[in-house]
Amino acid sequence: MKFSMVQCVKHSFNSLNAVNFVPKYAPVKENDIRRLHEYINNASKLLVVTGAGISTESGIPDYRSEGVGLYARSTSRPVQYQDFVKHAEVRKRYWARNFVAWSRFSAFQPNICHVTLSQWEGMGKVGAIVTQNVDRLHQKAGSKRVIELHGSGYEVGCLSCKMMISRHKFQKLLEELNPTLKSDVAVSIRPDGDVDIPQEQIDKFNLPPCESCGGILKPNIVFFGDNVPQKRVEAVKTEVRSSDGLLVLGSSLSVFSSYRIILQAAEEKKPIVIVNIGPTRGDSQATFKVSTKCGDVLPLISIVPSQR
């Protein structure tokens, strides 16, 4: 389903959570709008790299934002890959909490940033989007050429036989096995779709094995401590080579899986422009940086039709 600009603006203004999870920022400057306008219109095939900073405007919190990110608000940390693989109790806790949060997580909608990028793709300005987010908001907004660098929360796979099912289908199975535990659309959620629930509910939670081989089921997400699949890494490298510039939106580029995109672009002498509220790991490689909220600047850029 595609969303109009008006729908997403309305959703953004009505979402209290969206306000809660966006850190303090300076208003966009006229000179920044002018420079972005020139940069984007002079490009013929942009590669856009997006991070949690565009999804905070839809109400999904991030990890690192000053004052409002998970690390600033809580001592909780995301599950580590090795802990998930090695310990049944960790898997049970993860899936019980994820089950309760799924209605909320899957209900998030794209905001004006996602819609604008989808429109630019339709105009031929954006060649591809590489997103660090697992929320599928780019696809909900209508974008087609999306590489999910860290996977997607909308898929579940077996670690043994590699069988893959949709998260919605898996949710129905979990509902059948746990009829007294309810998924709650009103819960306060963490960036990885995690919520707090009582330990007694975790203890009673029934988690099925893979129906094909009996193996461990895991969301198709690159957990902390795991590696991005090499095929995906190569796909990103190809997109960098074929682009004529990078536009980074809402990412601190703290993790190497995203930062190496910047390193490749810099080595290939591609221009790099970053729009992010706080400092990023790639600031020193950027052609220029705009320090403000993405949703305040992207809609102000007018795409000039190419002269043929």
C-alpha atoms as a PDB file:
ATOM      1  CA  MET A   1       0.000   0.000   0.000  1.00  0.00           C
ATOM      2  CA  LYS A   2       1.348   3.422  -0.968  1.00  0.00           C
ATOM      3  CA  PHE A   3       0.877   6.488   1.222  1.00  0.00           C
ATOM      4  CA  SER A   4       0.339  10.034   0.031  1.00  0.00           C
ATOM      5  CA  MET A   5       2.394  12.973   1.285  1.00  0.00           C
ATOM      6  CA  VAL A   6      -0.711  14.359   3.049  1.00  0.00           C
ATOM      7  CA  GLN A   7      -1.389  11.072   4.850  1.00  0.00           C
ATOM      8  CA  CYS A   8       2.165  10.856   6.147  1.00  0.00           C
ATOM      9  CA  VAL A   9       2.291  14.483   7.253  1.00  0.00           C
ATOM     10  CA  LYS A  10      -0.965  13.951   9.158  1.00  0.00           C
ATOM     11  CA  HIS A  11       0.361  10.759  10.712  1.00  0.00           C
ATOM     12  CA  SER A  12       3.554  12.544  11.765  1.00  0.00           C
ATOM     13  CA  PHE A  13       1.732  15.410  13.474  1.00  0.00           C
ATOM     14  CA  ASN A  14      -0.676  13.066  15.262  1.00  0.00           C
ATOM     15  CA  SER A  15       1.999  10.727  16.565  1.00  0.00           C
ATOM     16  CA  LEU A  16       3.139  11.653  20.066  1.00  0.00           C
ATOM     17  CA  ASN A  17       5.774   8.928  19.971  1.00  0.00           C
ATOM     18  CA  ALA A  18       7.320  10.478  16.867  1.00  0.00           C
ATOM     19  CA  VAL A  19       7.942  13.655  18.854  1.00  0.00           C
ATOM     20  CA  ASN A  20       9.239  11.731  21.874  1.00  0.00           C
ATOM     21  CA  PHE A  21      11.934   9.883  19.922  1.00  0.00           C
ATOM     22  CA  VAL A  22      13.351  12.728  17.817  1.00  0.00           C
ATOM     23  CA  PRO A  23      16.285  14.404  19.612  1.00  0.00           C
ATOM     24  CA  LYS A  24      16.681  18.167  19.879  1.00  0.00           C
ATOM     25  CA  TYR A  25      17.813  19.736  16.623  1.00  0.00           C
ATOM     26  CA  ALA A  26      18.496  23.062  14.967  1.00  0.00           C
ATOM     27  CA  PRO A  27      16.073  24.397  12.329  1.00  0.00           C
ATOM     28  CA  VAL A  28      17.105  23.874   8.729  1.00  0.00           C
ATOM     29  CA  LYS A  29      19.033  26.745   7.179  1.00  0.00           C
ATOM     30  CA  GLU A  30      18.187  28.307   3.827  1.00  0.00           C
ATOM     31  CA  ASN A  31      21.729  27.746   2.608  1.00  0.00           C
ATOM     32  CA  ASP A  32      21.467  24.041   3.449  1.00  0.00           C
ATOM     33  CA  ILE A  33      18.257  23.751   1.446  1.00  0.00           C
ATOM     34  CA  ARG A  34      19.936  25.451  -1.513  1.00  0.00           C
ATOM     35  CA  ARG A  35      22.995  23.183  -1.381  1.00  0.00           C
ATOM     36  CA  LEU A  36      20.875  20.044  -1.068  1.00  0.00           C
ATOM     37  CA  HIS A  37      18.669  21.195  -3.934  1.00  0.00           C
ATOM     38  CA  GLU A  38      21.704  21.661  -6.180  1.00  0.00           C
ATOM     39  CA  TYR A  39      23.346  18.412  -5.122  1.00  0.00           C
ATOM     40  CA  ILE A  40      20.269  16.239  -5.620  1.00  0.00           C
ATOM     41  CA  ASN A  41      19.249  17.832  -8.909  1.00  0.00           C
ATOM     42  CA  ASN A  42      22.764  17.585 -10.320  1.00  0.00           C
ATOM     43  CA  ALA A  43      22.871  13.857  -9.548  1.00  0.00           C
ATOM     44  CA  SER A  44      21.521  11.371 -12.055  1.00  0.00           C
ATOM     45  CA  LYS A  45      21.608   8.250  -9.865  1.00  0.00           C
ATOM     46  CA  LEU A  46      21.780   8.725  -6.121  1.00  0.00           C
ATOM     47  CA  LEU A  47      22.403   5.919  -3.659  1.00  0.00           C
ATOM     48  CA  VAL A  48      20.517   6.729  -0.457  1.00  0.00           C
ATOM     49  CA  VAL A  49      21.648   5.239   2.854  1.00  0.00           C
ATOM     50  CA  THR A  50      19.067   5.463   5.651  1.00  0.00           C
ATOM     51  CA  GLY A  51      19.242   4.801   9.355  1.00  0.00           C
ATOM     52  CA  ALA A  52      17.021   4.885  12.412  1.00  0.00           C
ATOM     53  CA  GLY A  53      16.875   8.679  12.295  1.00  0.00           C
ATOM     54  CA  ILE A  54      14.207   8.626   9.605  1.00  0.00           C
ATOM     55  CA  SER A  55      12.071   6.037  11.393  1.00  0.00           C
ATOM     56  CA  THR A  56      12.070   7.971  14.673  1.00  0.00           C
ATOM     57  CA  GLU A  57       9.752  10.371  12.849  1.00  0.00           C
ATOM     58  CA  SER A  58       7.274   7.492  12.543  1.00  0.00           C
ATOM     59  CA  GLY A  59       7.488   6.736  16.274  1.00  0.00           C
ATOM     60  CA  ILE A  60      10.144   4.005  16.312  1.00  0.00           C
ATOM     61  CA  PRO A  61      12.933   4.807  18.806  1.00  0.00           C
ATOM     62  CA  ASP A  62      16.592   4.444  17.897  1.00  0.00           C
ATOM     63  CA  TYR A  63      19.557   3.262  19.959  1.00  0.00           C
ATOM     64  CA  ARG A  64      22.000   6.149  20.143  1.00  0.00           C
ATOM     65  CA  SER A  65      20.231   9.539  19.919  1.00  0.00           C
ATOM     66  CA  GLU A  66      21.200  11.871  22.732  1.00  0.00           C
ATOM     67  CA  GLY A  67      18.564  11.979  25.459  1.00  0.00           C
ATOM     68  CA  VAL A  68      15.899   9.943  23.644  1.00  0.00           C
ATOM     69  CA  GLY A  69      17.618   6.820  22.269  1.00  0.00           C
ATOM     70  CA  LEU A  70      17.386   3.447  23.995  1.00  0.00           C
ATOM     71  CA  TYR A  71      20.934   3.702  25.378  1.00  0.00           C
ATOM     72  CA  ALA A  72      20.127   7.072  26.956  1.00  0.00           C
ATOM     73  CA  ARG A  73      16.811   5.989  28.450  1.00  0.00           C
ATOM     74  CA  SER A  74      17.543   2.460  29.614  1.00  0.00           C
ATOM     75  CA  THR A  75      20.218  -0.007  30.670  1.00  0.00           C
ATOM     76  CA  SER A  76      18.601  -2.562  28.373  1.00  0.00           C
ATOM     77  CA  ARG A  77      20.682  -3.761  25.425  1.00  0.00           C
ATOM     78  CA  PRO A  78      19.636  -5.684  22.288  1.00  0.00           C
ATOM     79  CA  VAL A  79      20.090  -9.441  22.202  1.00  0.00           C
ATOM     80  CA  GLN A  80      23.472 -10.681  20.989  1.00  0.00           C
ATOM     81  CA  TYR A  81      23.646 -13.223  18.175  1.00  0.00           C
ATOM     82  CA  GLN A  82      25.734 -15.776  20.067  1.00  0.00           C
ATOM     83  CA  ASP A  83      23.472 -15.596  23.120  1.00  0.00           C
ATOM     84  CA  PHE A  84      20.421 -16.187  20.928  1.00  0.00           C
ATOM     85  CA  VAL A  85      22.011 -19.206  19.223  1.00  0.00           C
ATOM     86  CA  LYS A  86      23.482 -20.821  22.332  1.00  0.00           C
ATOM     87  CA  HIS A  87      20.794 -20.313  24.971  1.00  0.00           C
ATOM     88  CA  ALA A  88      17.203 -21.555  24.729  1.00  0.00           C
ATOM     89  CA  GLU A  89      16.088 -19.236  27.531  1.00  0.00           C
ATOM     90  CA  VAL A  90      17.374 -16.214  25.588  1.00  0.00           C
ATOM     91  CA  ARG A  91      15.424 -17.279  22.502  1.00  0.00           C
ATOM     92  CA  LYS A  92      12.296 -17.837  24.574  1.00  0.00           C
ATOM     93  CA  ARG A  93      12.572 -14.412  26.198  1.00  0.00           C
ATOM     94  CA  TYR A  94      13.236 -12.716  22.855  1.00  0.00           C
ATOM     95  CA  TRP A  95      10.279 -14.304  21.074  1.00  0.00           C
ATOM     96  CA  ALA A  96       7.833 -13.814  23.972  1.00  0.00           C
ATOM     97  CA  ARG A  97       8.582 -10.112  24.111  1.00  0.00           C
ATOM     98  CA  ASN A  98       8.647  -9.791  20.319  1.00  0.00           C
ATOM     99  CA  PHE A  99       5.293 -11.573  20.128  1.00  0.00           C
ATOM    100  CA  VAL A 100       3.654  -9.038  22.448  1.00  0.00           C
ATOM    101  CA  ALA A 101       5.215  -6.149  20.512  1.00  0.00           C
ATOM    102  CA  TRP A 102       4.412  -7.344  16.984  1.00  0.00           C
ATOM    103  CA  SER A 103       1.026  -5.634  16.640  1.00  0.00           C
ATOM    104  CA  ARG A 104       2.631  -2.350  17.582  1.00  0.00           C
ATOM    105  CA  PHE A 105       5.758  -2.790  15.480  1.00  0.00           C
ATOM    106  CA  SER A 106       3.924  -3.924  12.344  1.00  0.00           C
ATOM    107  CA  ALA A 107       1.438  -1.033  12.650  1.00  0.00           C
ATOM    108  CA  PHE A 108       4.050   1.709  12.197  1.00  0.00           C
ATOM    109  CA  GLN A 109       3.568   3.702   9.007  1.00  0.00           C
ATOM    110  CA  PRO A 110       5.986   5.576   6.731  1.00  0.00           C
ATOM    111  CA  ASN A 111       6.472   9.271   7.231  1.00  0.00           C
ATOM    112  CA  ILE A 112       7.186  12.106   4.824  1.00  0.00           C
ATOM    113  CA  CYS A 113      10.844  11.031   4.477  1.00  0.00           C
ATOM    114  CA  HIS A 114       9.933   7.564   3.182  1.00  0.00           C
ATOM    115  CA  VAL A 115       7.290   8.972   0.846  1.00  0.00           C
ATOM    116  CA  THR A 116       9.632  11.624  -0.567  1.00  0.00           C
ATOM    117  CA  LEU A 117      12.299   9.017  -1.333  1.00  0.00           C
ATOM    118  CA  SER A 118       9.709   6.811  -3.021  1.00  0.00           C
ATOM    119  CA  GLN A 119       8.680   9.738  -5.213  1.00  0.00           C
ATOM    120  CA  TRP A 120      12.293  10.504  -6.104  1.00  0.00           C
ATOM    121  CA  GLU A 121      12.791   6.874  -7.071  1.00  0.00           C
ATOM    122  CA  GLY A 122       9.750   7.115  -9.317  1.00  0.00           C
ATOM    123  CA  MET A 123      11.315  10.156 -10.980  1.00  0.00           C
ATOM    124  CA  GLY A 124      14.521   8.233 -11.613  1.00  0.00           C
ATOM    125  CA  LYS A 125      16.565  10.339  -9.189  1.00  0.00           C
ATOM    126  CA  VAL A 126      17.200   7.558  -6.625  1.00  0.00           C
ATOM    127  CA  GLY A 127      18.840   4.439  -8.006  1.00  0.00           C
ATOM    128  CA  ALA A 128      18.569   2.425  -4.805  1.00  0.00           C
ATOM    129  CA  ILE A 129      18.102   2.711  -1.047  1.00  0.00           C
ATOM    130  CA  VAL A 130      20.325   0.884   1.427  1.00  0.00           C
ATOM    131  CA  THR A 131      18.567   0.909   4.782  1.00  0.00           C
ATOM    132  CA  GLN A 132      19.858  -0.152   8.167  1.00  0.00           C
ATOM    133  CA  ASN A 133      16.261  -0.333   9.400  1.00  0.00           C
ATOM    134  CA  VAL A 134      14.283  -3.575   9.696  1.00  0.00           C
ATOM    135  CA  ASP A 135      10.833  -1.933   9.713  1.00  0.00           C
ATOM    136  CA  ARG A 136       9.924  -2.180   5.980  1.00  0.00           C
ATOM    137  CA  LEU A 137       8.710   1.441   5.988  1.00  0.00           C
ATOM    138  CA  HIS A 138      10.450   2.175   2.681  1.00  0.00           C
ATOM    139  CA  GLN A 139       8.501  -0.621   0.998  1.00  0.00           C
ATOM    140  CA  LYS A 140       5.262   0.493   2.662  1.00  0.00           C
ATOM    141  CA  ALA A 141       5.841   3.920   1.118  1.00  0.00           C
ATOM    142  CA  GLY A 142       6.265   2.379  -2.332  1.00  0.00           C
ATOM    143  CA  SER A 143      10.039   2.148  -2.813  1.00  0.00           C
ATOM    144  CA  LYS A 144      11.058  -0.818  -4.980  1.00  0.00           C
ATOM    145  CA  ARG A 145      14.873  -0.868  -5.044  1.00  0.00           C
ATOM    146  CA  VAL A 146      15.630  -1.382  -1.354  1.00  0.00           C
ATOM    147  CA  ILE A 147      18.543  -3.330   0.108  1.00  0.00           C
ATOM    148  CA  GLU A 148      17.824  -4.192   3.739  1.00  0.00           C
ATOM    149  CA  LEU A 149      21.378  -4.144   5.077  1.00  0.00           C
ATOM    150  CA  HIS A 150      20.462  -5.652   8.431  1.00  0.00           C
ATOM    151  CA  GLY A 151      17.569  -7.774   7.223  1.00  0.00           C
ATOM    152  CA  SER A 152      13.886  -7.456   8.037  1.00  0.00           C
ATOM    153  CA  GLY A 153      11.656  -8.026  11.036  1.00  0.00           C
ATOM    154  CA  TYR A 154       8.977  -9.191   8.609  1.00  0.00           C
ATOM    155  CA  GLU A 155      10.656 -12.542   7.912  1.00  0.00           C
ATOM    156  CA  VAL A 156      11.564 -15.534  10.089  1.00  0.00           C
ATOM    157  CA  GLY A 157      14.115 -18.140   9.054  1.00  0.00           C
ATOM    158  CA  CYS A 158      15.520 -21.435  10.278  1.00  0.00           C
ATOM    159  CA  LEU A 159      19.202 -21.403  11.181  1.00  0.00           C
ATOM    160  CA  SER A 160      19.582 -25.027  10.026  1.00  0.00           C
ATOM    161  CA  CYS A 161      17.570 -25.645   6.846  1.00  0.00           C
ATOM    162  CA  LYS A 162      17.166 -21.939   5.893  1.00  0.00           C
ATOM    163  CA  MET A 163      13.393 -22.300   5.533  1.00  0.00           C
ATOM    164  CA  MET A 164      11.793 -18.839   5.510  1.00  0.00           C
ATOM    165  CA  ILE A 165       8.265 -17.794   6.513  1.00  0.00           C
ATOM    166  CA  SER A 166       6.587 -14.430   6.926  1.00  0.00           C
ATOM    167  CA  ARG A 167       6.515 -12.865  10.373  1.00  0.00           C
ATOM    168  CA  HIS A 168       2.744 -12.445  10.067  1.00  0.00           C
ATOM    169  CA  LYS A 169       2.333 -16.187   9.498  1.00  0.00           C
ATOM    170  CA  PHE A 170       4.640 -16.963  12.411  1.00  0.00           C
ATOM    171  CA  GLN A 171       2.612 -14.612  14.605  1.00  0.00           C
ATOM    172  CA  LYS A 172      -0.541 -16.642  13.904  1.00  0.00           C
ATOM    173  CA  LEU A 173       1.285 -19.818  14.903  1.00  0.00           C
ATOM    174  CA  LEU A 174       2.458 -18.202  18.136  1.00  0.00           C
ATOM    175  CA  GLU A 175      -1.093 -17.030  18.848  1.00  0.00           C
ATOM    176  CA  GLU A 176      -2.349 -20.603  18.558  1.00  0.00           C
ATOM    177  CA  LEU A 177       0.339 -21.859  20.927  1.00  0.00           C
ATOM    178  CA  ASN A 178      -0.069 -18.990  23.404  1.00  0.00           C
ATOM    179  CA  PRO A 179      -3.801 -18.176  23.531  1.00  0.00           C
ATOM    180  CA  THR A 180      -3.625 -16.409  26.898  1.00  0.00           C
ATOM    181  CA  LEU A 181      -0.803 -14.032  25.899  1.00  0.00           C
ATOM    182  CA  LYS A 182      -1.954 -11.098  23.783  1.00  0.00           C
ATOM    183  CA  SER A 183      -0.081  -9.013  21.255  1.00  0.00           C
ATOM    184  CA  ASP A 184      -0.572  -5.389  22.291  1.00  0.00           C
ATOM    185  CA  VAL A 185      -0.683  -2.481  19.824  1.00  0.00           C
ATOM    186  CA  ALA A 186      -0.425   0.028  22.687  1.00  0.00           C
ATOM    187  CA  VAL A 187       2.850  -1.144  24.190  1.00  0.00           C
ATOM    188  CA  SER A 188       5.914   1.085  24.347  1.00  0.00           C
ATOM    189  CA  ILE A 189       8.462  -0.445  22.017  1.00  0.00           C
ATOM    190  CA  ARG A 190      12.239  -0.575  21.597  1.00  0.00           C
ATOM    191  CA  PRO A 191      14.128  -0.250  18.301  1.00  0.00           C
ATOM    192  CA  ASP A 192      14.363  -4.024  17.794  1.00  0.00           C
ATOM    193  CA  GLY A 193      10.667  -4.642  18.482  1.00  0.00           C
ATOM    194  CA  ASP A 194      11.309  -5.574  22.101  1.00  0.00           C
ATOM    195  CA  VAL A 195       9.152  -4.793  25.143  1.00  0.00           C
ATOM    196  CA  ASP A 196       9.158  -5.576  28.843  1.00  0.00           C
ATOM    197  CA  ILE A 197       6.786  -8.298  30.025  1.00  0.00           C
ATOM    198  CA  PRO A 198       6.620 -10.193  33.339  1.00  0.00           C
ATOM    199  CA  GLN A 199       8.968 -13.151  33.736  1.00  0.00           C
ATOM    200  CA  GLU A 200       6.024 -15.435  34.489  1.00  0.00           C
ATOM    201  CA  GLN A 201       4.659 -14.784  30.992  1.00  0.00           C
ATOM    202  CA  ILE A 202       8.048 -15.603  29.502  1.00  0.00           C
ATOM    203  CA  ASP A 203       8.221 -18.844  31.508  1.00  0.00           C
ATOM    204  CA  LYS A 204       4.830 -19.969  30.136  1.00  0.00           C
ATOM    205  CA  PHE A 205       5.584 -18.984  26.541  1.00  0.00           C
ATOM    206  CA  ASN A 206       5.513 -21.799  23.969  1.00  0.00           C
ATOM    207  CA  LEU A 207       8.095 -21.416  21.183  1.00  0.00           C
ATOM    208  CA  PRO A 208       7.920 -23.892  18.291  1.00  0.00           C
ATOM    209  CA  PRO A 209      10.929 -25.290  16.415  1.00  0.00           C
ATOM    210  CA  CYS A 210      11.212 -25.201  12.626  1.00  0.00           C
ATOM    211  CA  GLU A 211       8.371 -27.300  11.212  1.00  0.00           C
ATOM    212  CA  SER A 212      10.656 -28.596   8.451  1.00  0.00           C
ATOM    213  CA  CYS A 213      13.717 -29.742  10.402  1.00  0.00           C
ATOM    214  CA  GLY A 214      13.218 -28.922  14.076  1.00  0.00           C
ATOM    215  CA  GLY A 215      15.883 -26.206  13.982  1.00  0.00           C
ATOM    216  CA  ILE A 216      16.082 -22.807  15.653  1.00  0.00           C
ATOM    217  CA  LEU A 217      13.841 -20.051  14.296  1.00  0.00           C
ATOM    218  CA  LYS A 218      15.238 -16.521  14.209  1.00  0.00           C
ATOM    219  CA  PRO A 219      13.981 -13.265  12.706  1.00  0.00           C
ATOM    220  CA  ASN A 220      15.754 -12.468   9.452  1.00  0.00           C
ATOM    221  CA  ILE A 221      17.677  -9.686  11.193  1.00  0.00           C
ATOM    222  CA  VAL A 222      21.423  -9.268  11.579  1.00  0.00           C
ATOM    223  CA  PHE A 223      21.720  -9.305  15.368  1.00  0.00           C
ATOM    224  CA  PHE A 224      24.529  -7.493  17.172  1.00  0.00           C
ATOM    225  CA  GLY A 225      27.628  -9.672  16.959  1.00  0.00           C
ATOM    226  CA  ASP A 226      26.592 -11.253  13.651  1.00  0.00           C
ATOM    227  CA  ASN A 227      27.779 -10.409  10.131  1.00  0.00           C
ATOM    228  CA  VAL A 228      25.911  -8.998   7.147  1.00  0.00           C
ATOM    229  CA  PRO A 229      25.654 -11.791   4.521  1.00  0.00           C
ATOM    230  CA  GLN A 230      28.413 -11.454   1.922  1.00  0.00           C
ATOM    231  CA  LYS A 231      25.950 -11.501  -0.979  1.00  0.00           C
ATOM    232  CA  ARG A 232      24.259  -8.435   0.501  1.00  0.00           C
ATOM    233  CA  VAL A 233      27.605  -6.713   1.026  1.00  0.00           C
ATOM    234  CA  GLU A 234      28.500  -7.274  -2.632  1.00  0.00           C
ATOM    235  CA  ALA A 235      25.113  -5.949  -3.755  1.00  0.00           C
ATOM    236  CA  VAL A 236      25.737  -2.747  -1.825  1.00  0.00           C
ATOM    237  CA  LYS A 237      29.233  -2.404  -3.316  1.00  0.00           C
ATOM    238  CA  THR A 238      27.729  -2.695  -6.800  1.00  0.00           C
ATOM    239  CA  GLU A 239      25.219   0.057  -6.043  1.00  0.00           C
ATOM    240  CA  VAL A 240      27.952   2.362  -4.765  1.00  0.00           C
ATOM    241  CA  ARG A 241      30.002   1.820  -7.931  1.00  0.00           C
ATOM    242  CA  SER A 242      27.058   2.514 -10.220  1.00  0.00           C
ATOM    243  CA  SER A 243      25.898   5.637  -8.375  1.00  0.00           C
ATOM    244  CA  ASP A 244      27.140   9.160  -8.913  1.00  0.00           C
ATOM    245  CA  GLY A 245      26.742  10.188  -5.285  1.00  0.00           C
ATOM    246  CA  LEU A 246      25.647   9.191  -1.783  1.00  0.00           C
ATOM    247  CA  LEU A 247      22.911  10.740   0.329  1.00  0.00           C
ATOM    248  CA  VAL A 248      22.987   9.560   3.962  1.00  0.00           C
ATOM    249  CA  LEU A 249      19.812  10.210   5.953  1.00  0.00           C
ATOM    250  CA  GLY A 250      19.304   9.727   9.683  1.00  0.00           C
ATOM    251  CA  SER A 251      22.297   7.507  10.431  1.00  0.00           C
ATOM    252  CA  SER A 252      25.202   7.983  12.811  1.00  0.00           C
ATOM    253  CA  LEU A 253      27.124   5.406  10.717  1.00  0.00           C
ATOM    254  CA  SER A 254      28.415   3.982  14.016  1.00  0.00           C
ATOM    255  CA  VAL A 255      28.418   0.351  12.914  1.00  0.00           C
ATOM    256  CA  PHE A 256      31.010  -0.723  10.364  1.00  0.00           C
ATOM    257  CA  SER A 257      28.449  -2.345   8.054  1.00  0.00           C
ATOM    258  CA  SER A 258      27.208   1.157   7.172  1.00  0.00           C
ATOM    259  CA  TYR A 259      30.472   3.051   7.586  1.00  0.00           C
ATOM    260  CA  ARG A 260      32.245   0.899   4.993  1.00  0.00           C
ATOM    261  CA  ILE A 261      29.762   2.230   2.423  1.00  0.00           C
ATOM    262  CA  ILE A 262      31.168   5.684   3.119  1.00  0.00           C
ATOM    263  CA  LEU A 263      34.740   4.401   2.878  1.00  0.00           C
ATOM    264  CA  GLN A 264      34.060   2.856  -0.529  1.00  0.00           C
ATOM    265  CA  ALA A 265      32.371   5.999  -1.832  1.00  0.00           C
ATOM    266  CA  ALA A 266      35.242   8.159  -0.578  1.00  0.00           C
ATOM    267  CA  GLU A 267      37.809   5.855  -2.181  1.00  0.00           C
ATOM    268  CA  GLU A 268      35.923   6.058  -5.472  1.00  0.00           C
ATOM    269  CA  LYS A 269      35.751   9.851  -5.076  1.00  0.00           C
ATOM    270  CA  LYS A 270      31.952   9.934  -5.029  1.00  0.00           C
ATOM    271  CA  PRO A 271      30.391  12.982  -3.363  1.00  0.00           C
ATOM    272  CA  ILE A 272      28.846  12.218   0.035  1.00  0.00           C
ATOM    273  CA  VAL A 273      26.147  14.344   1.652  1.00  0.00           C
ATOM    274  CA  ILE A 274      24.834  13.603   5.141  1.00  0.00           C
ATOM    275  CA  VAL A 275      21.603  14.802   6.773  1.00  0.00           C
ATOM    276  CA  ASN A 276      21.536  13.842  10.452  1.00  0.00           C
ATOM    277  CA  ILE A 277      20.759  15.604  13.707  1.00  0.00           C
ATOM    278  CA  GLY A 278      23.918  14.548  15.560  1.00  0.00           C
ATOM    279  CA  PRO A 279      27.525  13.856  14.587  1.00  0.00           C
ATOM    280  CA  THR A 280      28.277  10.824  12.434  1.00  0.00           C
ATOM    281  CA  ARG A 281      31.274   8.602  11.856  1.00  0.00           C
ATOM    282  CA  GLY A 282      31.376   9.776   8.251  1.00  0.00           C
ATOM    283  CA  ASP A 283      31.407  13.548   8.819  1.00  0.00           C
ATOM    284  CA  SER A 284      35.067  13.923   7.875  1.00  0.00           C
ATOM    285  CA  GLN A 285      34.463  12.226   4.497  1.00  0.00           C
ATOM    286  CA  ALA A 286      31.323  14.207   3.687  1.00  0.00           C
ATOM    287  CA  THR A 287      31.223  16.793   0.920  1.00  0.00           C
ATOM    288  CA  PHE A 288      28.887  18.670   3.241  1.00  0.00           C
ATOM    289  CA  LYS A 289      26.695  17.908   6.236  1.00  0.00           C
ATOM    290  CA  VAL A 290      23.239  19.197   7.177  1.00  0.00           C
ATOM    291  CA  SER A 291      22.544  18.946  10.911  1.00  0.00           C
ATOM    292  CA  THR A 292      18.771  18.864  11.190  1.00  0.00           C
ATOM    293  CA  LYS A 293      15.754  16.554  11.049  1.00  0.00           C
ATOM    294  CA  CYS A 294      15.357  14.788   7.710  1.00  0.00           C
ATOM    295  CA  GLY A 295      11.608  15.362   7.632  1.00  0.00           C
ATOM    296  CA  ASP A 296      12.119  19.126   7.834  1.00  0.00           C
ATOM    297  CA  VAL A 297      14.335  19.316   4.762  1.00  0.00           C
ATOM    298  CA  LEU A 298      13.495  16.543   2.248  1.00  0.00           C
ATOM    299  CA  PRO A 299      10.008  17.854   1.364  1.00  0.00           C
ATOM    300  CA  LEU A 300      11.547  21.263   0.610  1.00  0.00           C
ATOM    301  CA  ILE A 301      13.672  19.908  -2.224  1.00  0.00           C
ATOM    302  CA  SER A 302      12.073  20.392  -5.642  1.00  0.00           C
ATOM    303  CA  ILE A 303      13.195  17.894  -8.259  1.00  0.00           C
ATOM    304  CA  VAL A 304      13.821  19.545 -11.605  1.00  0.00           C
ATOM    305  CA  PRO A 305      12.857  17.253 -14.530  1.00  0.00           C
ATOM    306  CA  SER A 306      15.855  16.112 -16.546  1.00  0.00           C
ATOM    307  CA  GLN A 307      16.317  17.792 -19.918  1.00  0.00           C
ATOM    308  CA  ARG A 308      16.439  15.145 -22.679  1.00  0.00           C
END
